[in-house]
Amino acid sequence: MPVPKRKRSKARRDKRFANKGIKVQAITSCAQCKTAIAPHQVCKDCGFYKGAKVLETKIERGIKRVESQQAKSAKSTKEAPIDTKSEE
C-alpha cells in the first residue's frame, strides 16, 4: 500500500484553499456618463458620486491650466506695450 514519503507542510496544504473565498466583483454604471464602475465609488471619468460632483477630473484640470496660462500671457502682453518709436 502506498504511503507518503514526507509530511505535507501546512503552507502547501493550505494553498489549495487560498482562492476559495474570492468572489467576482460587482460592476455598476455611472448615473451621469454610463461608464462601468465599482459600486460605492466615485466615477473617474466624470467625478460624480450619487449625483453630486465630488472630484475634479484630469481633463477639467488640464482645461483650467490652459486657461490660466492664456490669461497670464494676455496679461503680460498688456503690461509691457511695445514702443515703436524707440525702434526706429
PDB file of N, CA and C in Angstrom:
ATOM      1  N   MET A   1       0.841  -1.181   0.000  1.00  0.00           N
ATOM      2  CA  MET A   1       0.000   0.000   0.000  1.00  0.00           C
ATOM      3  C   MET A   1       0.886   1.245   0.000  1.00  0.00           C
ATOM      4  N   PRO A   2       0.623   2.203  -0.909  1.00  0.00           N
ATOM      5  CA  PRO A   2       1.492   3.382  -0.987  1.00  0.00           C
ATOM      6  C   PRO A   2       1.295   4.310   0.217  1.00  0.00           C
ATOM      7  N   VAL A   3       2.407   4.815   0.700  1.00  0.00           N
ATOM      8  CA  VAL A   3       2.410   5.721   1.856  1.00  0.00           C
ATOM      9  C   VAL A   3       3.232   6.939   1.476  1.00  0.00           C
ATOM     10  N   PRO A   4       2.808   8.162   1.844  1.00  0.00           N
ATOM     11  CA  PRO A   4       3.600   9.356   1.529  1.00  0.00           C
ATOM     12  C   PRO A   4       4.989   9.283   2.153  1.00  0.00           C
ATOM     13  N   LYS A   5       6.002   9.725   1.383  1.00  0.00           N
ATOM     14  CA  LYS A   5       7.372   9.650   1.871  1.00  0.00           C
ATOM     15  C   LYS A   5       7.634  10.723   2.926  1.00  0.00           C
ATOM     16  N   ARG A   6       7.037  11.925   2.730  1.00  0.00           N
ATOM     17  CA  ARG A   6       7.234  13.035   3.670  1.00  0.00           C
ATOM     18  C   ARG A   6       5.898  13.658   4.040  1.00  0.00           C
ATOM     19  N   LYS A   7       5.910  14.318   5.192  1.00  0.00           N
ATOM     20  CA  LYS A   7       4.700  15.010   5.653  1.00  0.00           C
ATOM     21  C   LYS A   7       4.490  16.259   4.788  1.00  0.00           C
ATOM     22  N   ARG A   8       3.272  16.468   4.332  1.00  0.00           N
ATOM     23  CA  ARG A   8       2.951  17.664   3.553  1.00  0.00           C
ATOM     24  C   ARG A   8       2.842  18.844   4.506  1.00  0.00           C
ATOM     25  N   SER A   9       3.534  19.951   4.203  1.00  0.00           N
ATOM     26  CA  SER A   9       3.550  21.105   5.102  1.00  0.00           C
ATOM     27  C   SER A   9       2.192  21.794   5.127  1.00  0.00           C
ATOM     28  N   LYS A  10       1.962  22.587   6.179  1.00  0.00           N
ATOM     29  CA  LYS A  10       0.691  23.307   6.326  1.00  0.00           C
ATOM     30  C   LYS A  10       0.529  24.338   5.214  1.00  0.00           C
ATOM     31  N   ALA A  11       1.597  25.009   4.838  1.00  0.00           N
ATOM     32  CA  ALA A  11       1.540  26.019   3.783  1.00  0.00           C
ATOM     33  C   ALA A  11       1.144  25.379   2.457  1.00  0.00           C
ATOM     34  N   ARG A  12       1.749  24.241   2.176  1.00  0.00           N
ATOM     35  CA  ARG A  12       1.440  23.547   0.921  1.00  0.00           C
ATOM     36  C   ARG A  12       0.006  23.044   0.910  1.00  0.00           C
ATOM     37  N   ARG A  13      -0.450  22.561   2.065  1.00  0.00           N
ATOM     38  CA  ARG A  13      -1.825  22.084   2.191  1.00  0.00           C
ATOM     39  C   ARG A  13      -2.816  23.234   2.034  1.00  0.00           C
ATOM     40  N   ASP A  14      -2.522  24.354   2.667  1.00  0.00           N
ATOM     41  CA  ASP A  14      -3.454  25.479   2.688  1.00  0.00           C
ATOM     42  C   ASP A  14      -3.506  26.234   1.361  1.00  0.00           C
ATOM     43  N   LYS A  15      -2.518  26.072   0.497  1.00  0.00           N
ATOM     44  CA  LYS A  15      -2.530  26.728  -0.814  1.00  0.00           C
ATOM     45  C   LYS A  15      -3.736  26.306  -1.655  1.00  0.00           C
ATOM     46  N   ARG A  16      -4.181  25.081  -1.457  1.00  0.00           N
ATOM     47  CA  ARG A  16      -5.320  24.570  -2.225  1.00  0.00           C
ATOM     48  C   ARG A  16      -6.585  25.375  -1.967  1.00  0.00           C
ATOM     49  N   PHE A  17      -6.723  25.869  -0.735  1.00  0.00           N
ATOM     50  CA  PHE A  17      -7.953  26.546  -0.336  1.00  0.00           C
ATOM     51  C   PHE A  17      -7.820  28.067  -0.288  1.00  0.00           C
ATOM     52  N   ALA A  18      -6.697  28.603  -0.742  1.00  0.00           N
ATOM     53  CA  ALA A  18      -6.435  30.043  -0.649  1.00  0.00           C
ATOM     54  C   ALA A  18      -7.420  30.865  -1.471  1.00  0.00           C
ATOM     55  N   ASN A  19      -7.865  30.350  -2.603  1.00  0.00           N
ATOM     56  CA  ASN A  19      -8.735  31.109  -3.505  1.00  0.00           C
ATOM     57  C   ASN A  19     -10.204  30.764  -3.342  1.00  0.00           C
ATOM     58  N   LYS A  20     -10.532  30.036  -2.321  1.00  0.00           N
ATOM     59  CA  LYS A  20     -11.909  29.588  -2.136  1.00  0.00           C
ATOM     60  C   LYS A  20     -12.859  30.748  -1.834  1.00  0.00           C
ATOM     61  N   GLY A  21     -12.403  31.767  -1.105  1.00  0.00           N
ATOM     62  CA  GLY A  21     -13.261  32.874  -0.705  1.00  0.00           C
ATOM     63  C   GLY A  21     -13.351  34.002  -1.708  1.00  0.00           C
ATOM     64  N   ILE A  22     -12.604  33.948  -2.804  1.00  0.00           N
ATOM     65  CA  ILE A  22     -12.615  35.032  -3.790  1.00  0.00           C
ATOM     66  C   ILE A  22     -13.925  34.997  -4.571  1.00  0.00           C
ATOM     67  N   LYS A  23     -14.563  36.162  -4.681  1.00  0.00           N
ATOM     68  CA  LYS A  23     -15.824  36.275  -5.422  1.00  0.00           C
ATOM     69  C   LYS A  23     -15.662  37.287  -6.545  1.00  0.00           C
ATOM     70  N   VAL A  24     -16.490  37.173  -7.543  1.00  0.00           N
ATOM     71  CA  VAL A  24     -16.479  38.109  -8.662  1.00  0.00           C
ATOM     72  C   VAL A  24     -17.002  39.453  -8.172  1.00  0.00           C
ATOM     73  N   GLN A  25     -16.266  40.524  -8.486  1.00  0.00           N
ATOM     74  CA  GLN A  25     -16.645  41.856  -8.037  1.00  0.00           C
ATOM     75  C   GLN A  25     -17.810  42.392  -8.867  1.00  0.00           C
ATOM     76  N   ALA A  26     -18.747  43.030  -8.185  1.00  0.00           N
ATOM     77  CA  ALA A  26     -19.913  43.605  -8.864  1.00  0.00           C
ATOM     78  C   ALA A  26     -19.506  44.848  -9.643  1.00  0.00           C
ATOM     79  N   ILE A  27     -20.168  45.097 -10.749  1.00  0.00           N
ATOM     80  CA  ILE A  27     -19.903  46.272 -11.581  1.00  0.00           C
ATOM     81  C   ILE A  27     -21.229  46.982 -11.826  1.00  0.00           C
ATOM     82  N   THR A  28     -21.224  48.296 -11.625  1.00  0.00           N
ATOM     83  CA  THR A  28     -22.401  49.104 -11.905  1.00  0.00           C
ATOM     84  C   THR A  28     -22.031  50.153 -12.941  1.00  0.00           C
ATOM     85  N   SER A  29     -23.003  50.942 -13.365  1.00  0.00           N
ATOM     86  CA  SER A  29     -22.713  52.002 -14.322  1.00  0.00           C
ATOM     87  C   SER A  29     -22.942  53.362 -13.670  1.00  0.00           C
ATOM     88  N   CYS A  30     -22.174  54.331 -14.090  1.00  0.00           N
ATOM     89  CA  CYS A  30     -22.275  55.697 -13.567  1.00  0.00           C
ATOM     90  C   CYS A  30     -23.608  56.299 -14.012  1.00  0.00           C
ATOM     91  N   ALA A  31     -24.257  57.006 -13.111  1.00  0.00           N
ATOM     92  CA  ALA A  31     -25.553  57.606 -13.435  1.00  0.00           C
ATOM     93  C   ALA A  31     -25.416  58.773 -14.415  1.00  0.00           C
ATOM     94  N   GLN A  32     -24.247  59.433 -14.433  1.00  0.00           N
ATOM     95  CA  GLN A  32     -24.039  60.599 -15.292  1.00  0.00           C
ATOM     96  C   GLN A  32     -23.544  60.214 -16.688  1.00  0.00           C
ATOM     97  N   CYS A  33     -22.439  59.448 -16.728  1.00  0.00           N
ATOM     98  CA  CYS A  33     -21.800  59.183 -18.025  1.00  0.00           C
ATOM     99  C   CYS A  33     -21.913  57.731 -18.486  1.00  0.00           C
ATOM    100  N   LYS A  34     -22.528  56.867 -17.699  1.00  0.00           N
ATOM    101  CA  LYS A  34     -22.812  55.476 -18.047  1.00  0.00           C
ATOM    102  C   LYS A  34     -21.567  54.598 -18.237  1.00  0.00           C
ATOM    103  N   THR A  35     -20.412  54.989 -17.678  1.00  0.00           N
ATOM    104  CA  THR A  35     -19.235  54.126 -17.738  1.00  0.00           C
ATOM    105  C   THR A  35     -19.299  53.102 -16.611  1.00  0.00           C
ATOM    106  N   ALA A  36     -18.601  51.987 -16.768  1.00  0.00           N
ATOM    107  CA  ALA A  36     -18.610  50.924 -15.774  1.00  0.00           C
ATOM    108  C   ALA A  36     -17.718  51.308 -14.595  1.00  0.00           C
ATOM    109  N   ILE A  37     -18.273  51.200 -13.369  1.00  0.00           N
ATOM    110  CA  ILE A  37     -17.520  51.498 -12.147  1.00  0.00           C
ATOM    111  C   ILE A  37     -17.869  50.466 -11.083  1.00  0.00           C
ATOM    112  N   ALA A  38     -17.031  50.394 -10.052  1.00  0.00           N
ATOM    113  CA  ALA A  38     -17.335  49.547  -8.906  1.00  0.00           C
ATOM    114  C   ALA A  38     -18.397  50.252  -8.068  1.00  0.00           C
ATOM    115  N   PRO A  39     -19.259  49.510  -7.384  1.00  0.00           N
ATOM    116  CA  PRO A  39     -20.301  50.159  -6.587  1.00  0.00           C
ATOM    117  C   PRO A  39     -19.712  50.956  -5.428  1.00  0.00           C
ATOM    118  N   HIS A  40     -20.356  52.048  -5.076  1.00  0.00           N
ATOM    119  CA  HIS A  40     -19.957  52.936  -3.980  1.00  0.00           C
ATOM    120  C   HIS A  40     -18.589  53.570  -4.219  1.00  0.00           C
ATOM    121  N   GLN A  41     -18.279  53.873  -5.470  1.00  0.00           N
ATOM    122  CA  GLN A  41     -17.020  54.511  -5.834  1.00  0.00           C
ATOM    123  C   GLN A  41     -17.306  55.745  -6.685  1.00  0.00           C
ATOM    124  N   VAL A  42     -16.403  56.711  -6.624  1.00  0.00           N
ATOM    125  CA  VAL A  42     -16.521  57.913  -7.452  1.00  0.00           C
ATOM    126  C   VAL A  42     -16.134  57.552  -8.879  1.00  0.00           C
ATOM    127  N   CYS A  43     -16.884  58.071  -9.853  1.00  0.00           N
ATOM    128  CA  CYS A  43     -16.576  57.836 -11.261  1.00  0.00           C
ATOM    129  C   CYS A  43     -15.323  58.626 -11.627  1.00  0.00           C
ATOM    130  N   LYS A  44     -14.331  57.953 -12.188  1.00  0.00           N
ATOM    131  CA  LYS A  44     -13.080  58.624 -12.552  1.00  0.00           C
ATOM    132  C   LYS A  44     -13.215  59.446 -13.823  1.00  0.00           C
ATOM    133  N   ASP A  45     -14.205  59.140 -14.638  1.00  0.00           N
ATOM    134  CA  ASP A  45     -14.377  59.857 -15.897  1.00  0.00           C
ATOM    135  C   ASP A  45     -15.062  61.211 -15.705  1.00  0.00           C
ATOM    136  N   CYS A  46     -16.132  61.242 -14.886  1.00  0.00           N
ATOM    137  CA  CYS A  46     -16.885  62.490 -14.746  1.00  0.00           C
ATOM    138  C   CYS A  46     -16.777  63.100 -13.346  1.00  0.00           C
ATOM    139  N   GLY A  47     -16.330  62.342 -12.336  1.00  0.00           N
ATOM    140  CA  GLY A  47     -16.147  62.874 -10.993  1.00  0.00           C
ATOM    141  C   GLY A  47     -17.410  62.949 -10.157  1.00  0.00           C
ATOM    142  N   PHE A  48     -18.462  62.247 -10.543  1.00  0.00           N
ATOM    143  CA  PHE A  48     -19.728  62.290  -9.810  1.00  0.00           C
ATOM    144  C   PHE A  48     -19.847  61.087  -8.883  1.00  0.00           C
ATOM    145  N   TYR A  49     -20.497  61.291  -7.727  1.00  0.00           N
ATOM    146  CA  TYR A  49     -20.832  60.211  -6.799  1.00  0.00           C
ATOM    147  C   TYR A  49     -22.217  60.491  -6.251  1.00  0.00           C
ATOM    148  N   LYS A  50     -23.142  59.592  -6.469  1.00  0.00           N
ATOM    149  CA  LYS A  50     -24.536  59.718  -6.033  1.00  0.00           C
ATOM    150  C   LYS A  50     -25.161  61.020  -6.526  1.00  0.00           C
ATOM    151  N   GLY A  51     -24.870  61.395  -7.768  1.00  0.00           N
ATOM    152  CA  GLY A  51     -25.481  62.564  -8.383  1.00  0.00           C
ATOM    153  C   GLY A  51     -24.842  63.887  -8.019  1.00  0.00           C
ATOM    154  N   ALA A  52     -23.772  63.881  -7.232  1.00  0.00           N
ATOM    155  CA  ALA A  52     -23.101  65.132  -6.839  1.00  0.00           C
ATOM    156  C   ALA A  52     -21.665  65.129  -7.361  1.00  0.00           C
ATOM    157  N   LYS A  53     -21.192  66.280  -7.805  1.00  0.00           N
ATOM    158  CA  LYS A  53     -19.830  66.432  -8.307  1.00  0.00           C
ATOM    159  C   LYS A  53     -18.886  66.509  -7.110  1.00  0.00           C
ATOM    160  N   VAL A  54     -17.994  65.525  -6.967  1.00  0.00           N
ATOM    161  CA  VAL A  54     -17.095  65.487  -5.817  1.00  0.00           C
ATOM    162  C   VAL A  54     -15.620  65.537  -6.209  1.00  0.00           C
ATOM    163  N   LEU A  55     -15.297  65.247  -7.456  1.00  0.00           N
ATOM    164  CA  LEU A  55     -13.918  65.264  -7.927  1.00  0.00           C
ATOM    165  C   LEU A  55     -13.767  66.134  -9.156  1.00  0.00           C
ATOM    166  N   GLU A  56     -12.609  66.753  -9.268  1.00  0.00           N
ATOM    167  CA  GLU A  56     -12.265  67.464 -10.488  1.00  0.00           C
ATOM    168  C   GLU A  56     -11.460  66.495 -11.349  1.00  0.00           C
ATOM    169  N   THR A  57     -11.922  66.201 -12.544  1.00  0.00           N
ATOM    170  CA  THR A  57     -11.272  65.192 -13.384  1.00  0.00           C
ATOM    171  C   THR A  57      -9.988  65.744 -14.004  1.00  0.00           C
ATOM    172  N   LYS A  58      -9.193  64.840 -14.535  1.00  0.00           N
ATOM    173  CA  LYS A  58      -7.912  65.197 -15.139  1.00  0.00           C
ATOM    174  C   LYS A  58      -8.106  66.129 -16.338  1.00  0.00           C
ATOM    175  N   ILE A  59      -9.126  65.884 -17.118  1.00  0.00           N
ATOM    176  CA  ILE A  59      -9.410  66.718 -18.292  1.00  0.00           C
ATOM    177  C   ILE A  59      -9.773  68.137 -17.863  1.00  0.00           C
ATOM    178  N   GLU A  60     -10.604  68.247 -16.821  1.00  0.00           N
ATOM    179  CA  GLU A  60     -11.001  69.570 -16.320  1.00  0.00           C
ATOM    180  C   GLU A  60      -9.804  70.338 -15.775  1.00  0.00           C
ATOM    181  N   ARG A  61      -8.886  69.640 -15.079  1.00  0.00           N
ATOM    182  CA  ARG A  61      -7.680  70.304 -14.573  1.00  0.00           C
ATOM    183  C   ARG A  61      -6.817  70.803 -15.718  1.00  0.00           C
ATOM    184  N   GLY A  62      -6.726  70.021 -16.802  1.00  0.00           N
ATOM    185  CA  GLY A  62      -5.938  70.425 -17.964  1.00  0.00           C
ATOM    186  C   GLY A  62      -6.522  71.661 -18.637  1.00  0.00           C
ATOM    187  N   ILE A  63      -7.847  71.693 -18.771  1.00  0.00           N
ATOM    188  CA  ILE A  63      -8.518  72.851 -19.377  1.00  0.00           C
ATOM    189  C   ILE A  63      -8.299  74.093 -18.524  1.00  0.00           C
ATOM    190  N   LYS A  64      -8.418  73.932 -17.218  1.00  0.00           N
ATOM    191  CA  LYS A  64      -8.226  75.046 -16.294  1.00  0.00           C
ATOM    192  C   LYS A  64      -6.791  75.584 -16.379  1.00  0.00           C
ATOM    193  N   ARG A  65      -5.816  74.658 -16.494  1.00  0.00           N
ATOM    194  CA  ARG A  65      -4.408  75.047 -16.585  1.00  0.00           C
ATOM    195  C   ARG A  65      -4.144  75.840 -17.859  1.00  0.00           C
ATOM    196  N   VAL A  66      -4.707  75.403 -18.980  1.00  0.00           N
ATOM    197  CA  VAL A  66      -4.522  76.099 -20.257  1.00  0.00           C
ATOM    198  C   VAL A  66      -5.138  77.493 -20.198  1.00  0.00           C
ATOM    199  N   GLU A  67      -6.338  77.600 -19.608  1.00  0.00           N
ATOM    200  CA  GLU A  67      -6.998  78.912 -19.493  1.00  0.00           C
ATOM    201  C   GLU A  67      -6.190  79.872 -18.636  1.00  0.00           C
ATOM    202  N   SER A  68      -5.604  79.367 -17.543  1.00  0.00           N
ATOM    203  CA  SER A  68      -4.815  80.248 -16.681  1.00  0.00           C
ATOM    204  C   SER A  68      -3.529  80.687 -17.383  1.00  0.00           C
ATOM    205  N   GLN A  69      -2.919  79.791 -18.173  1.00  0.00           N
ATOM    206  CA  GLN A  69      -1.721  80.151 -18.927  1.00  0.00           C
ATOM    207  C   GLN A  69      -2.038  81.203 -19.986  1.00  0.00           C
ATOM    208  N   GLN A  70      -3.188  81.062 -20.646  1.00  0.00           N
ATOM    209  CA  GLN A  70      -3.581  82.051 -21.651  1.00  0.00           C
ATOM    210  C   GLN A  70      -3.858  83.395 -20.994  1.00  0.00           C
ATOM    211  N   ALA A  71      -4.469  83.378 -19.825  1.00  0.00           N
ATOM    212  CA  ALA A  71      -4.750  84.626 -19.121  1.00  0.00           C
ATOM    213  C   ALA A  71      -3.454  85.311 -18.698  1.00  0.00           C
ATOM    214  N   LYS A  72      -2.475  84.516 -18.249  1.00  0.00           N
ATOM    215  CA  LYS A  72      -1.178  85.079 -17.862  1.00  0.00           C
ATOM    216  C   LYS A  72      -0.471  85.701 -19.052  1.00  0.00           C
ATOM    217  N   SER A  73      -0.489  84.997 -20.202  1.00  0.00           N
ATOM    218  CA  SER A  73       0.195  85.519 -21.386  1.00  0.00           C
ATOM    219  C   SER A  73      -0.504  86.774 -21.910  1.00  0.00           C
ATOM    220  N   ALA A  74      -1.830  86.812 -21.835  1.00  0.00           N
ATOM    221  CA  ALA A  74      -2.558  88.006 -22.275  1.00  0.00           C
ATOM    222  C   ALA A  74      -2.280  89.173 -21.329  1.00  0.00           C
ATOM    223  N   LYS A  75      -2.170  88.901 -20.058  1.00  0.00           N
ATOM    224  CA  LYS A  75      -1.896  89.940 -19.068  1.00  0.00           C
ATOM    225  C   LYS A  75      -0.479  90.487 -19.236  1.00  0.00           C
ATOM    226  N   SER A  76       0.495  89.601 -19.524  1.00  0.00           N
ATOM    227  CA  SER A  76       1.877  90.045 -19.679  1.00  0.00           C
ATOM    228  C   SER A  76       2.052  90.886 -20.949  1.00  0.00           C
ATOM    229  N   THR A  77       1.303  90.606 -22.007  1.00  0.00           N
ATOM    230  CA  THR A  77       1.415  91.408 -23.225  1.00  0.00           C
ATOM    231  C   THR A  77       0.774  92.782 -23.040  1.00  0.00           C
ATOM    232  N   LYS A  78      -0.251  92.870 -22.196  1.00  0.00           N
ATOM    233  CA  LYS A  78      -0.882  94.161 -21.928  1.00  0.00           C
ATOM    234  C   LYS A  78      -0.006  95.042 -21.047  1.00  0.00           C
ATOM    235  N   GLU A  79       0.730  94.450 -20.118  1.00  0.00           N
ATOM    236  CA  GLU A  79       1.564  95.220 -19.200  1.00  0.00           C
ATOM    237  C   GLU A  79       2.794  95.808 -19.868  1.00  0.00           C
ATOM    238  N   ALA A  80       3.361  95.128 -20.824  1.00  0.00           N
ATOM    239  CA  ALA A  80       4.576  95.588 -21.487  1.00  0.00           C
ATOM    240  C   ALA A  80       4.257  95.966 -22.929  1.00  0.00           C
ATOM    241  N   PRO A  81       3.754  97.184 -23.164  1.00  0.00           N
ATOM    242  CA  PRO A  81       3.463  97.583 -24.541  1.00  0.00           C
ATOM    243  C   PRO A  81       4.748  97.815 -25.335  1.00  0.00           C
ATOM    244  N   ILE A  82       4.709  97.521 -26.605  1.00  0.00           N
ATOM    245  CA  ILE A  82       5.882  97.660 -27.471  1.00  0.00           C
ATOM    246  C   ILE A  82       5.932  99.112 -27.946  1.00  0.00           C
ATOM    247  N   ASP A  83       7.100  99.723 -27.758  1.00  0.00           N
ATOM    248  CA  ASP A  83       7.313 101.108 -28.189  1.00  0.00           C
ATOM    249  C   ASP A  83       7.858 101.101 -29.600  1.00  0.00           C
ATOM    250  N   THR A  84       7.083 101.575 -30.557  1.00  0.00           N
ATOM    251  CA  THR A  84       7.503 101.546 -31.962  1.00  0.00           C
ATOM    252  C   THR A  84       8.455 102.702 -32.295  1.00  0.00           C
ATOM    253  N   LYS A  85       8.373 103.804 -31.573  1.00  0.00           N
ATOM    254  CA  LYS A  85       9.232 104.963 -31.872  1.00  0.00           C
ATOM    255  C   LYS A  85      10.670 104.727 -31.474  1.00  0.00           C
ATOM    256  N   SER A  86      10.897 103.963 -30.403  1.00  0.00           N
ATOM    257  CA  SER A  86      12.267 103.733 -29.924  1.00  0.00           C
ATOM    258  C   SER A  86      13.022 102.781 -30.839  1.00  0.00           C
ATOM    259  N   GLU A  87      12.334 101.971 -31.610  1.00  0.00           N
ATOM    260  CA  GLU A  87      12.989 101.025 -32.503  1.00  0.00           C
ATOM    261  C   GLU A  87      13.550 101.696 -33.756  1.00  0.00           C
ATOM    262  N   GLU A  88      13.037 102.824 -34.129  1.00  0.00           N
ATOM    263  CA  GLU A  88      13.464 103.477 -35.383  1.00  0.00           C
ATOM    264  C   GLU A  88      14.761 104.165 -35.284  1.00  0.00           C
TER     265      GLU A  88
END
